[in-house]
């Protein structure tokens, strides 16, 4: 993996609860870290989601980042970018985390996009 290929900035986010003042908790996604990544589309398929079994396109990706401890499938990635003056946001659910060569140089994150988070 060439480090120069990691040219997209992504936020690693974790699901956290914050006290709402009424004894409960508001669950939100919060940034854990901001890292450089290489995002490679792998394919797409149709999936059923929600109580109404709605069809949605699910895209799969491999995302490469420098090795970092603590990245898990309970987290997600958020990629914000601009194109032609318009800001776009992509969200990727992490479904798998691997150290492909076992040398702690980078992580390969198997991700899904287009699914509810």
Protein backbone atom coordinates (compact mmCIF):
# COMPACT_ATOMS: atom_id res chain seq x y z
CA UNK A 1 0.00 0.00 0.00
CA UNK A 2 1.46 3.31 -1.09
CA UNK A 3 0.89 6.01 1.52
CA UNK A 4 0.27 8.51 -1.33
CA UNK A 5 -2.91 6.60 -2.19
CA UNK A 6 -4.40 7.68 1.15
CA UNK A 7 -5.61 11.09 0.06
CA UNK A 8 -9.15 11.24 1.43
CA UNK A 9 -9.81 12.55 4.93
CA UNK A 10 -12.28 10.46 6.94
CA UNK A 11 -13.58 10.69 10.49
CA UNK A 12 -13.75 7.54 12.58
CA UNK A 13 -16.92 7.81 14.65
CA UNK A 14 -18.25 5.92 17.68
CA UNK A 15 -21.81 5.70 18.98
CA UNK A 16 -21.94 7.42 22.37
CA UNK A 17 -24.55 8.38 24.91
CA UNK A 18 -24.73 11.78 26.56
CA UNK A 19 -26.95 12.62 29.52
CA UNK A 20 -30.12 14.44 28.48
CA UNK A 21 -30.76 16.00 31.90
CA UNK A 22 -33.92 13.96 32.46
CA UNK A 23 -32.25 10.76 33.58
CA UNK A 24 -31.95 9.36 30.07
CA UNK A 25 -29.32 9.49 27.40
CA UNK A 26 -29.22 10.88 23.88
CA UNK A 27 -27.33 8.54 21.57
CA UNK A 28 -25.18 10.26 18.96
CA UNK A 29 -22.17 9.61 16.75
CA UNK A 30 -19.03 11.43 17.84
CA UNK A 31 -15.62 11.72 16.19
CA UNK A 32 -12.87 9.51 17.60
CA UNK A 33 -10.17 10.47 15.09
CA UNK A 34 -9.63 12.04 11.69
CA UNK A 35 -7.32 10.01 9.42
CA UNK A 36 -6.19 9.79 5.80
CA UNK A 37 -7.69 6.92 3.81
CA UNK A 38 -7.81 5.18 0.44
CA UNK A 39 -11.44 4.30 -0.39
CA UNK A 40 -11.89 1.56 -3.00
CA UNK A 41 -15.39 0.61 -4.21
CA UNK A 42 -15.89 -3.17 -4.45
CA UNK A 43 -19.46 -3.63 -5.70
CA UNK A 44 -23.10 -3.22 -4.81
CA UNK A 45 -26.18 -5.29 -4.13
CA UNK A 46 -29.78 -4.82 -3.14
CA UNK A 47 -30.70 -5.16 0.52
CA UNK A 48 -33.88 -5.12 2.59
CA UNK A 49 -34.02 -2.74 5.55
CA UNK A 50 -36.45 -1.48 8.15
CA UNK A 51 -39.79 -2.71 9.39
CA UNK A 52 -41.31 -2.21 5.94
CA UNK A 53 -38.56 -4.25 4.25
CA UNK A 54 -37.67 -1.43 1.90
CA UNK A 55 -35.21 -2.17 -0.90
CA UNK A 56 -31.99 -0.16 -0.80
CA UNK A 57 -28.76 -0.35 -2.68
CA UNK A 58 -25.86 -1.43 -0.47
CA UNK A 59 -22.40 -0.62 -1.79
CA UNK A 60 -19.31 -2.36 -0.45
CA UNK A 61 -15.90 -0.75 -0.02
CA UNK A 62 -12.40 -1.51 1.17
CA UNK A 63 -10.96 1.42 3.06
CA UNK A 64 -7.26 1.48 3.91
CA UNK A 65 -5.88 3.59 6.76
CA UNK A 66 -2.60 3.62 8.66
CA UNK A 67 -2.55 1.10 11.49
CA UNK A 68 -4.43 2.30 14.53
CA UNK A 69 -5.46 0.37 17.62
CA UNK A 70 -9.06 0.42 18.77
CA UNK A 71 -10.84 0.50 15.39
CA UNK A 72 -13.81 -1.89 15.56
CA UNK A 73 -16.91 -2.91 13.63
CA UNK A 74 -18.99 -0.95 16.17
CA UNK A 75 -17.71 2.27 14.59
CA UNK A 76 -18.34 4.00 11.28
CA UNK A 77 -16.50 6.28 8.86
CA UNK A 78 -17.70 9.67 7.65
CA UNK A 79 -16.20 11.22 4.52
CA UNK A 80 -17.04 14.85 3.72
CA UNK A 81 -15.88 16.27 0.39
CA UNK A 82 -16.62 19.12 -2.01
CA UNK A 83 -17.26 18.84 -5.73
CA UNK A 84 -18.21 21.79 -7.94
CA UNK A 85 -18.82 23.95 -4.87
CA UNK A 86 -21.26 21.46 -3.30
CA UNK A 87 -20.52 19.61 -0.07
CA UNK A 88 -21.28 15.87 0.07
CA UNK A 89 -21.16 13.42 2.96
CA UNK A 90 -20.66 9.67 2.68
CA UNK A 91 -21.13 7.37 5.66
CA UNK A 92 -19.63 3.88 5.78
CA UNK A 93 -20.55 1.22 8.35
CA UNK A 94 -17.47 -0.80 9.31
CA UNK A 95 -18.27 -4.52 9.08
CA UNK A 96 -14.74 -5.91 9.38
CA UNK A 97 -11.26 -4.79 10.46
CA UNK A 98 -8.10 -6.58 9.31
CA UNK A 99 -4.35 -6.11 9.53
CA UNK A 100 -3.74 -7.76 6.12
CA UNK A 101 0.00 -8.41 6.43
CA UNK A 102 0.18 -8.72 10.23
CA UNK A 103 2.88 -6.04 10.45
CA UNK A 104 0.74 -3.24 11.95
CA UNK A 105 1.45 -0.93 9.01
CA UNK A 106 -2.12 -0.32 7.87
CA UNK A 107 -5.67 -1.56 8.39
CA UNK A 108 -8.10 -2.82 5.78
CA UNK A 109 -11.64 -1.88 6.75
CA UNK A 110 -14.48 -3.73 5.05
CA UNK A 111 -17.35 -1.25 4.85
CA UNK A 112 -20.90 -0.86 3.58
CA UNK A 113 -22.40 2.36 2.31
CA UNK A 114 -26.03 3.18 1.57
CA UNK A 115 -27.32 1.52 4.73
CA UNK A 116 -28.99 3.16 7.73
CA UNK A 117 -26.65 3.94 10.59
